[in-house]
């Protein structure tokens, strides 16, 4: 059995005790196999009623706490988690499955393999629905958008990532999609100069609000859920309904 990066995952049977270091995958597990989820990060905020052991953050997990939960499997992500933490867990004899997700198709395929191979579980209904919804791009392009993810300094969503592909499939063109960096640093003047129709301001990782973000721009802005733009899993179903809505 191999994860998305081709690393061996030493599982002799479907994992029954799972620690998730990825908020979106935590939501996916909680929605589908809640009895198997024994630990998650402090950033795993969905579902709101999630009651499992917390193992600190995605970038600084408490590895001793993870090991104390005796997991059959720890789920990580190449972008969200540190390779050092993955290596230390593996060196301690913990099986780790690392996901690599930069497109909608990769999200669907990666989650499908995780459930089928590592968990020995039928494909969840939300994943079946997400496959159907995202099978074809939305017809036509509606808007040119830019997605800041931080300020002071300003950073935006660039190329080669899940968010840009998700937007494109929803008929929204990320004007920074051709940038060489995945999350380029920039400034307000550069953001306004690229000709976007609207600036989408998510509530994560930076929490943009009505009073923090819109005032910086003359271009129209819209507050959006960061979960819908960046989380793969059950959020993909809701994201399709929101992002493809021509009135949205």
C-alpha atoms as a PDB file:
ATOM      1  CA  UNK A   1       0.000   0.000   0.000  1.00  0.00           C
ATOM      2  CA  UNK A   2       1.388   3.409  -0.986  1.00  0.00           C
ATOM      3  CA  UNK A   3       0.290   6.963  -0.268  1.00  0.00           C
ATOM      4  CA  UNK A   4       0.030   9.812  -2.789  1.00  0.00           C
ATOM      5  CA  UNK A   5       3.802  10.356  -2.703  1.00  0.00           C
ATOM      6  CA  UNK A   6       4.549   6.696  -3.330  1.00  0.00           C
ATOM      7  CA  UNK A   7       5.715   5.976   0.220  1.00  0.00           C
ATOM      8  CA  UNK A   8       4.971   2.600   1.764  1.00  0.00           C
ATOM      9  CA  UNK A   9       2.169   2.578   4.329  1.00  0.00           C
ATOM     10  CA  UNK A  10       2.569  -0.537   6.509  1.00  0.00           C
ATOM     11  CA  UNK A  11      -1.019  -1.520   7.214  1.00  0.00           C
ATOM     12  CA  UNK A  12      -1.949  -5.177   7.666  1.00  0.00           C
ATOM     13  CA  UNK A  13      -5.660  -4.393   7.951  1.00  0.00           C
ATOM     14  CA  UNK A  14      -7.989  -1.424   7.469  1.00  0.00           C
ATOM     15  CA  UNK A  15      -7.089   1.361   9.903  1.00  0.00           C
ATOM     16  CA  UNK A  16      -9.448   1.529  12.894  1.00  0.00           C
ATOM     17  CA  UNK A  17      -7.727   4.254  14.916  1.00  0.00           C
ATOM     18  CA  UNK A  18      -6.893   7.327  12.847  1.00  0.00           C
ATOM     19  CA  UNK A  19      -5.309  10.661  13.742  1.00  0.00           C
ATOM     20  CA  UNK A  20      -5.817  13.400  11.148  1.00  0.00           C
ATOM     21  CA  UNK A  21      -3.391  16.315  10.819  1.00  0.00           C
ATOM     22  CA  UNK A  22      -5.439  17.838   7.962  1.00  0.00           C
ATOM     23  CA  UNK A  23      -8.601  19.829   8.810  1.00  0.00           C
ATOM     24  CA  UNK A  24     -10.453  19.021   5.593  1.00  0.00           C
ATOM     25  CA  UNK A  25      -9.684  15.301   5.901  1.00  0.00           C
ATOM     26  CA  UNK A  26     -10.722  15.406   9.549  1.00  0.00           C
ATOM     27  CA  UNK A  27     -14.130  16.626   8.383  1.00  0.00           C
ATOM     28  CA  UNK A  28     -14.249  13.860   5.767  1.00  0.00           C
ATOM     29  CA  UNK A  29     -13.468  11.174   8.336  1.00  0.00           C
ATOM     30  CA  UNK A  30     -15.864  12.590  10.923  1.00  0.00           C
ATOM     31  CA  UNK A  31     -18.658  12.626   8.343  1.00  0.00           C
ATOM     32  CA  UNK A  32     -18.061   9.061   7.181  1.00  0.00           C
ATOM     33  CA  UNK A  33     -16.237   6.941   9.778  1.00  0.00           C
ATOM     34  CA  UNK A  34     -16.498   8.944  13.011  1.00  0.00           C
ATOM     35  CA  UNK A  35     -15.868   5.907  15.191  1.00  0.00           C
ATOM     36  CA  UNK A  36     -12.356   5.576  13.745  1.00  0.00           C
ATOM     37  CA  UNK A  37     -11.212   9.163  14.295  1.00  0.00           C
ATOM     38  CA  UNK A  38      -9.344   9.384  17.609  1.00  0.00           C
ATOM     39  CA  UNK A  39      -7.289  12.548  17.203  1.00  0.00           C
ATOM     40  CA  UNK A  40      -7.128  15.811  15.231  1.00  0.00           C
ATOM     41  CA  UNK A  41      -5.396  19.183  15.244  1.00  0.00           C
ATOM     42  CA  UNK A  42      -6.586  22.323  16.987  1.00  0.00           C
ATOM     43  CA  UNK A  43      -7.374  23.716  13.510  1.00  0.00           C
ATOM     44  CA  UNK A  44      -9.833  20.928  12.759  1.00  0.00           C
ATOM     45  CA  UNK A  45     -12.998  22.978  13.281  1.00  0.00           C
ATOM     46  CA  UNK A  46     -15.557  20.915  11.355  1.00  0.00           C
ATOM     47  CA  UNK A  47     -17.814  19.424  12.398  1.00  0.00           C
ATOM     48  CA  UNK A  48     -18.310  21.877  15.252  1.00  0.00           C
ATOM     49  CA  UNK A  49     -19.285  19.093  17.653  1.00  0.00           C
ATOM     50  CA  UNK A  50     -16.138  17.051  16.980  1.00  0.00           C
ATOM     51  CA  UNK A  51     -15.019  15.451  20.252  1.00  0.00           C
ATOM     52  CA  UNK A  52     -11.612  13.824  19.852  1.00  0.00           C
ATOM     53  CA  UNK A  53      -8.182  14.279  21.390  1.00  0.00           C
ATOM     54  CA  UNK A  54      -6.374  17.377  20.121  1.00  0.00           C
ATOM     55  CA  UNK A  55      -2.718  17.176  19.095  1.00  0.00           C
ATOM     56  CA  UNK A  56      -1.864  20.877  18.612  1.00  0.00           C
ATOM     57  CA  UNK A  57      -1.401  22.461  15.166  1.00  0.00           C
ATOM     58  CA  UNK A  58      -0.814  21.325  11.602  1.00  0.00           C
ATOM     59  CA  UNK A  59       2.709  22.788  11.547  1.00  0.00           C
ATOM     60  CA  UNK A  60       3.647  21.887  15.131  1.00  0.00           C
ATOM     61  CA  UNK A  61       1.798  18.709  16.110  1.00  0.00           C
ATOM     62  CA  UNK A  62       2.521  17.204  19.502  1.00  0.00           C
ATOM     63  CA  UNK A  63       4.063  13.975  18.257  1.00  0.00           C
ATOM     64  CA  UNK A  64       4.124  12.431  21.733  1.00  0.00           C
ATOM     65  CA  UNK A  65       0.392  13.070  22.008  1.00  0.00           C
ATOM     66  CA  UNK A  66      -0.134  11.516  18.580  1.00  0.00           C
ATOM     67  CA  UNK A  67       1.792   8.383  19.553  1.00  0.00           C
ATOM     68  CA  UNK A  68      -0.054   8.121  22.878  1.00  0.00           C
ATOM     69  CA  UNK A  69      -3.295   7.636  20.961  1.00  0.00           C
ATOM     70  CA  UNK A  70      -1.882   4.411  19.475  1.00  0.00           C
ATOM     71  CA  UNK A  71      -3.135   5.165  15.966  1.00  0.00           C
ATOM     72  CA  UNK A  72      -3.153   2.567  13.221  1.00  0.00           C
ATOM     73  CA  UNK A  73      -2.744   5.462  10.810  1.00  0.00           C
ATOM     74  CA  UNK A  74      -1.912   9.160  10.779  1.00  0.00           C
ATOM     75  CA  UNK A  75      -3.166  11.151   7.784  1.00  0.00           C
ATOM     76  CA  UNK A  76      -1.096  14.158   6.638  1.00  0.00           C
ATOM     77  CA  UNK A  77      -0.843  16.424   3.612  1.00  0.00           C
ATOM     78  CA  UNK A  78       2.255  17.431   1.652  1.00  0.00           C
ATOM     79  CA  UNK A  79       1.388  21.137   1.739  1.00  0.00           C
ATOM     80  CA  UNK A  80      -0.168  21.501   5.170  1.00  0.00           C
ATOM     81  CA  UNK A  81       2.190  19.367   7.246  1.00  0.00           C
ATOM     82  CA  UNK A  82       5.948  19.273   7.673  1.00  0.00           C
ATOM     83  CA  UNK A  83       8.006  16.470   6.158  1.00  0.00           C
ATOM     84  CA  UNK A  84      10.055  16.453   9.382  1.00  0.00           C
ATOM     85  CA  UNK A  85       7.031  15.515  11.482  1.00  0.00           C
ATOM     86  CA  UNK A  86       6.037  12.799   9.017  1.00  0.00           C
ATOM     87  CA  UNK A  87       9.548  11.367   9.125  1.00  0.00           C
ATOM     88  CA  UNK A  88       9.685  11.404  12.922  1.00  0.00           C
ATOM     89  CA  UNK A  89       6.373   9.579  13.173  1.00  0.00           C
ATOM     90  CA  UNK A  90       7.508   6.957  10.697  1.00  0.00           C
ATOM     91  CA  UNK A  91      10.813   6.558  12.521  1.00  0.00           C
ATOM     92  CA  UNK A  92       8.762   5.872  15.665  1.00  0.00           C
ATOM     93  CA  UNK A  93       6.914   3.082  13.865  1.00  0.00           C
ATOM     94  CA  UNK A  94       3.700   4.987  13.121  1.00  0.00           C
ATOM     95  CA  UNK A  95       2.069   4.403   9.739  1.00  0.00           C
ATOM     96  CA  UNK A  96       1.523   7.726   7.928  1.00  0.00           C
ATOM     97  CA  UNK A  97      -0.503   8.325   4.761  1.00  0.00           C
ATOM     98  CA  UNK A  98       0.480  11.585   3.050  1.00  0.00           C
ATOM     99  CA  UNK A  99      -1.927  13.142   0.565  1.00  0.00           C
ATOM    100  CA  UNK A 100      -0.865  15.363  -2.328  1.00  0.00           C
ATOM    101  CA  UNK A 101      -3.714  17.478  -3.683  1.00  0.00           C
ATOM    102  CA  UNK A 102      -3.329  20.330  -6.173  1.00  0.00           C
ATOM    103  CA  UNK A 103      -6.409  19.832  -8.368  1.00  0.00           C
ATOM    104  CA  UNK A 104     -10.038  18.822  -8.014  1.00  0.00           C
ATOM    105  CA  UNK A 105      -9.372  15.499  -9.719  1.00  0.00           C
ATOM    106  CA  UNK A 106      -6.471  14.793  -7.374  1.00  0.00           C
ATOM    107  CA  UNK A 107      -8.722  15.549  -4.397  1.00  0.00           C
ATOM    108  CA  UNK A 108     -11.394  13.136  -5.574  1.00  0.00           C
ATOM    109  CA  UNK A 109      -8.902  10.389  -6.441  1.00  0.00           C
ATOM    110  CA  UNK A 110      -6.833  10.838  -3.280  1.00  0.00           C
ATOM    111  CA  UNK A 111      -9.839  10.692  -0.985  1.00  0.00           C
ATOM    112  CA  UNK A 112     -11.221   7.719  -2.878  1.00  0.00           C
ATOM    113  CA  UNK A 113      -7.972   5.779  -2.403  1.00  0.00           C
ATOM    114  CA  UNK A 114      -7.741   6.737   1.264  1.00  0.00           C
ATOM    115  CA  UNK A 115     -11.192   5.343   2.001  1.00  0.00           C
ATOM    116  CA  UNK A 116     -10.881   2.262  -0.209  1.00  0.00           C
ATOM    117  CA  UNK A 117      -7.296   1.210   0.523  1.00  0.00           C
ATOM    118  CA  UNK A 118      -6.348   2.555   3.941  1.00  0.00           C
ATOM    119  CA  UNK A 119      -9.764   2.374   5.592  1.00  0.00           C
ATOM    120  CA  UNK A 120     -11.361  -0.487   3.654  1.00  0.00           C
ATOM    121  CA  UNK A 121     -14.539   1.587   3.598  1.00  0.00           C
ATOM    122  CA  UNK A 122     -17.179   2.078   0.881  1.00  0.00           C
ATOM    123  CA  UNK A 123     -16.994   5.404  -0.944  1.00  0.00           C
ATOM    124  CA  UNK A 124     -18.920   7.975   1.119  1.00  0.00           C
ATOM    125  CA  UNK A 125     -22.090   9.433  -0.359  1.00  0.00           C
ATOM    126  CA  UNK A 126     -20.639  12.966  -0.283  1.00  0.00           C
ATOM    127  CA  UNK A 127     -17.670  11.780  -2.357  1.00  0.00           C
ATOM    128  CA  UNK A 128     -19.956  10.129  -4.907  1.00  0.00           C
ATOM    129  CA  UNK A 129     -21.937  13.377  -5.130  1.00  0.00           C
ATOM    130  CA  UNK A 130     -18.782  15.489  -5.413  1.00  0.00           C
ATOM    131  CA  UNK A 131     -17.537  13.326  -8.299  1.00  0.00           C
ATOM    132  CA  UNK A 132     -20.784  13.887 -10.162  1.00  0.00           C
ATOM    133  CA  UNK A 133     -20.897  17.634  -9.469  1.00  0.00           C
ATOM    134  CA  UNK A 134     -17.304  18.316 -10.500  1.00  0.00           C
ATOM    135  CA  UNK A 135     -17.200  15.870 -13.418  1.00  0.00           C
ATOM    136  CA  UNK A 136     -17.331  18.727 -15.935  1.00  0.00           C
ATOM    137  CA  UNK A 137     -16.395  22.404 -15.686  1.00  0.00           C
ATOM    138  CA  UNK A 138     -19.172  24.946 -15.352  1.00  0.00           C
ATOM    139  CA  UNK A 139     -20.272  26.394 -18.692  1.00  0.00           C
ATOM    140  CA  UNK A 140     -18.711  29.754 -19.552  1.00  0.00           C
ATOM    141  CA  UNK A 141     -16.551  32.165 -17.574  1.00  0.00           C
ATOM    142  CA  UNK A 142     -18.418  34.490 -15.224  1.00  0.00           C
ATOM    143  CA  UNK A 143     -15.769  36.565 -13.456  1.00  0.00           C
ATOM    144  CA  UNK A 144     -12.058  37.267 -13.150  1.00  0.00           C
ATOM    145  CA  UNK A 145     -11.123  36.996  -9.496  1.00  0.00           C
ATOM    146  CA  UNK A 146      -8.187  37.374  -7.152  1.00  0.00           C
ATOM    147  CA  UNK A 147      -7.968  35.616  -3.776  1.00  0.00           C
ATOM    148  CA  UNK A 148      -5.812  37.217  -1.068  1.00  0.00           C
ATOM    149  CA  UNK A 149      -4.859  34.833   1.722  1.00  0.00           C
ATOM    150  CA  UNK A 150      -2.850  37.241   3.911  1.00  0.00           C
ATOM    151  CA  UNK A 151      -2.148  40.908   4.458  1.00  0.00           C
ATOM    152  CA  UNK A 152       0.895  42.744   5.850  1.00  0.00           C
ATOM    153  CA  UNK A 153       2.379  41.453   3.642  1.00  0.00           C
ATOM    154  CA  UNK A 154      -0.316  40.759   1.072  1.00  0.00           C
ATOM    155  CA  UNK A 155      -0.253  37.277  -0.425  1.00  0.00           C
ATOM    156  CA  UNK A 156      -2.623  35.782  -3.002  1.00  0.00           C
ATOM    157  CA  UNK A 157      -3.498  32.395  -4.451  1.00  0.00           C
ATOM    158  CA  UNK A 158      -1.276  31.748  -7.479  1.00  0.00           C
ATOM    159  CA  UNK A 159      -0.652  28.701  -9.660  1.00  0.00           C
ATOM    160  CA  UNK A 160      -0.558  24.934  -9.208  1.00  0.00           C
ATOM    161  CA  UNK A 161      -2.949  24.602  -6.312  1.00  0.00           C
ATOM    162  CA  UNK A 162      -6.379  23.212  -5.514  1.00  0.00           C
ATOM    163  CA  UNK A 163      -8.072  26.596  -5.109  1.00  0.00           C
ATOM    164  CA  UNK A 164      -7.112  27.844  -8.566  1.00  0.00           C
ATOM    165  CA  UNK A 165      -8.322  24.632 -10.207  1.00  0.00           C
ATOM    166  CA  UNK A 166     -11.556  24.686  -8.193  1.00  0.00           C
ATOM    167  CA  UNK A 167     -12.264  28.274  -9.253  1.00  0.00           C
ATOM    168  CA  UNK A 168     -11.565  27.496 -12.912  1.00  0.00           C
ATOM    169  CA  UNK A 169     -13.965  24.555 -12.867  1.00  0.00           C
ATOM    170  CA  UNK A 170     -16.593  26.809 -11.319  1.00  0.00           C
ATOM    171  CA  UNK A 171     -16.202  29.333 -14.141  1.00  0.00           C
ATOM    172  CA  UNK A 172     -14.072  31.795 -12.168  1.00  0.00           C
ATOM    173  CA  UNK A 173     -10.662  32.774 -13.531  1.00  0.00           C
ATOM    174  CA  UNK A 174      -7.938  33.421 -10.976  1.00  0.00           C
ATOM    175  CA  UNK A 175      -5.992  36.304 -12.519  1.00  0.00           C
ATOM    176  CA  UNK A 176      -2.840  35.184 -10.708  1.00  0.00           C
ATOM    177  CA  UNK A 177      -3.093  31.610 -12.032  1.00  0.00           C
ATOM    178  CA  UNK A 178      -0.189  32.190 -14.406  1.00  0.00           C
ATOM    179  CA  UNK A 179       2.184  33.403 -11.707  1.00  0.00           C
ATOM    180  CA  UNK A 180       5.238  31.221 -11.179  1.00  0.00           C
ATOM    181  CA  UNK A 181       4.622  31.047  -7.419  1.00  0.00           C
ATOM    182  CA  UNK A 182       1.858  29.076  -5.805  1.00  0.00           C
ATOM    183  CA  UNK A 183       1.173  31.837  -3.259  1.00  0.00           C
ATOM    184  CA  UNK A 184       2.940  34.996  -4.439  1.00  0.00           C
ATOM    185  CA  UNK A 185       3.598  38.013  -2.243  1.00  0.00           C
ATOM    186  CA  UNK A 186       2.248  41.225  -3.747  1.00  0.00           C
ATOM    187  CA  UNK A 187       0.602  44.524  -2.810  1.00  0.00           C
ATOM    188  CA  UNK A 188      -2.745  46.242  -3.240  1.00  0.00           C
ATOM    189  CA  UNK A 189      -1.606  48.232  -6.273  1.00  0.00           C
ATOM    190  CA  UNK A 190      -0.548  45.054  -8.079  1.00  0.00           C
ATOM    191  CA  UNK A 191      -3.762  43.291  -7.122  1.00  0.00           C
ATOM    192  CA  UNK A 192      -5.868  46.117  -8.516  1.00  0.00           C
ATOM    193  CA  UNK A 193      -3.750  46.360 -11.668  1.00  0.00           C
ATOM    194  CA  UNK A 194      -4.415  42.803 -12.864  1.00  0.00           C
ATOM    195  CA  UNK A 195      -7.965  43.568 -13.947  1.00  0.00           C
ATOM    196  CA  UNK A 196     -10.007  41.390 -11.630  1.00  0.00           C
ATOM    197  CA  UNK A 197     -13.766  41.844 -11.545  1.00  0.00           C
ATOM    198  CA  UNK A 198     -13.890  41.055  -7.847  1.00  0.00           C
ATOM    199  CA  UNK A 199     -11.535  40.390  -4.928  1.00  0.00           C
ATOM    200  CA  UNK A 200     -12.615  37.306  -2.971  1.00  0.00           C
ATOM    201  CA  UNK A 201     -11.696  37.676   0.706  1.00  0.00           C
ATOM    202  CA  UNK A 202     -11.777  34.345   2.599  1.00  0.00           C
ATOM    203  CA  UNK A 203     -11.873  33.878   6.366  1.00  0.00           C
ATOM    204  CA  UNK A 204      -8.777  31.669   6.447  1.00  0.00           C
ATOM    205  CA  UNK A 205      -5.870  31.518   6.808  1.00  0.00           C
ATOM    206  CA  UNK A 206      -6.181  35.280   7.354  1.00  0.00           C
ATOM    207  CA  UNK A 207      -9.573  36.199   8.763  1.00  0.00           C
ATOM    208  CA  UNK A 208     -10.854  38.919   6.440  1.00  0.00           C
ATOM    209  CA  UNK A 209     -14.014  40.627   7.692  1.00  0.00           C
ATOM    210  CA  UNK A 210     -16.270  43.499   6.679  1.00  0.00           C
ATOM    211  CA  UNK A 211     -13.983  45.831   8.649  1.00  0.00           C
ATOM    212  CA  UNK A 212     -10.671  44.238   7.698  1.00  0.00           C
ATOM    213  CA  UNK A 213      -9.929  43.860   3.972  1.00  0.00           C
ATOM    214  CA  UNK A 214     -12.589  45.511   1.797  1.00  0.00           C
ATOM    215  CA  UNK A 215     -11.438  49.021   2.753  1.00  0.00           C
ATOM    216  CA  UNK A 216      -8.067  48.401   1.073  1.00  0.00           C
ATOM    217  CA  UNK A 217      -9.541  48.112  -2.438  1.00  0.00           C
ATOM    218  CA  UNK A 218     -11.392  50.178  -4.999  1.00  0.00           C
ATOM    219  CA  UNK A 219     -12.178  46.959  -6.898  1.00  0.00           C
ATOM    220  CA  UNK A 220     -15.403  45.273  -5.677  1.00  0.00           C
ATOM    221  CA  UNK A 221     -14.845  42.741  -2.900  1.00  0.00           C
ATOM    222  CA  UNK A 222     -16.797  39.770  -1.626  1.00  0.00           C
ATOM    223  CA  UNK A 223     -16.356  37.884   1.651  1.00  0.00           C
ATOM    224  CA  UNK A 224     -16.292  34.106   1.151  1.00  0.00           C
ATOM    225  CA  UNK A 225     -15.811  30.985   3.223  1.00  0.00           C
ATOM    226  CA  UNK A 226     -12.201  29.857   3.127  1.00  0.00           C
ATOM    227  CA  UNK A 227     -13.413  26.338   3.794  1.00  0.00           C
ATOM    228  CA  UNK A 228     -15.254  26.296   0.462  1.00  0.00           C
ATOM    229  CA  UNK A 229     -12.156  27.478  -1.411  1.00  0.00           C
ATOM    230  CA  UNK A 230      -9.526  25.255   0.188  1.00  0.00           C
ATOM    231  CA  UNK A 231     -11.087  22.251   1.917  1.00  0.00           C
ATOM    232  CA  UNK A 232     -11.458  19.020  -0.033  1.00  0.00           C
ATOM    233  CA  UNK A 233     -13.987  16.574   1.340  1.00  0.00           C
ATOM    234  CA  UNK A 234     -17.672  17.196   2.151  1.00  0.00           C
ATOM    235  CA  UNK A 235     -17.036  20.926   1.581  1.00  0.00           C
ATOM    236  CA  UNK A 236     -16.652  20.162  -2.133  1.00  0.00           C
ATOM    237  CA  UNK A 237     -20.404  19.565  -2.437  1.00  0.00           C
ATOM    238  CA  UNK A 238     -21.287  22.877  -0.805  1.00  0.00           C
ATOM    239  CA  UNK A 239     -18.528  24.651  -2.766  1.00  0.00           C
ATOM    240  CA  UNK A 240     -20.062  23.610  -6.067  1.00  0.00           C
ATOM    241  CA  UNK A 241     -23.442  25.039  -5.138  1.00  0.00           C
ATOM    242  CA  UNK A 242     -21.963  28.357  -3.987  1.00  0.00           C
ATOM    243  CA  UNK A 243     -19.210  28.915  -6.551  1.00  0.00           C
ATOM    244  CA  UNK A 244     -21.227  27.969  -9.633  1.00  0.00           C
ATOM    245  CA  UNK A 245     -24.234  30.089  -8.634  1.00  0.00           C
ATOM    246  CA  UNK A 246     -24.473  32.790 -11.348  1.00  0.00           C
ATOM    247  CA  UNK A 247     -26.124  35.140  -8.860  1.00  0.00           C
ATOM    248  CA  UNK A 248     -23.372  34.661  -6.260  1.00  0.00           C
END
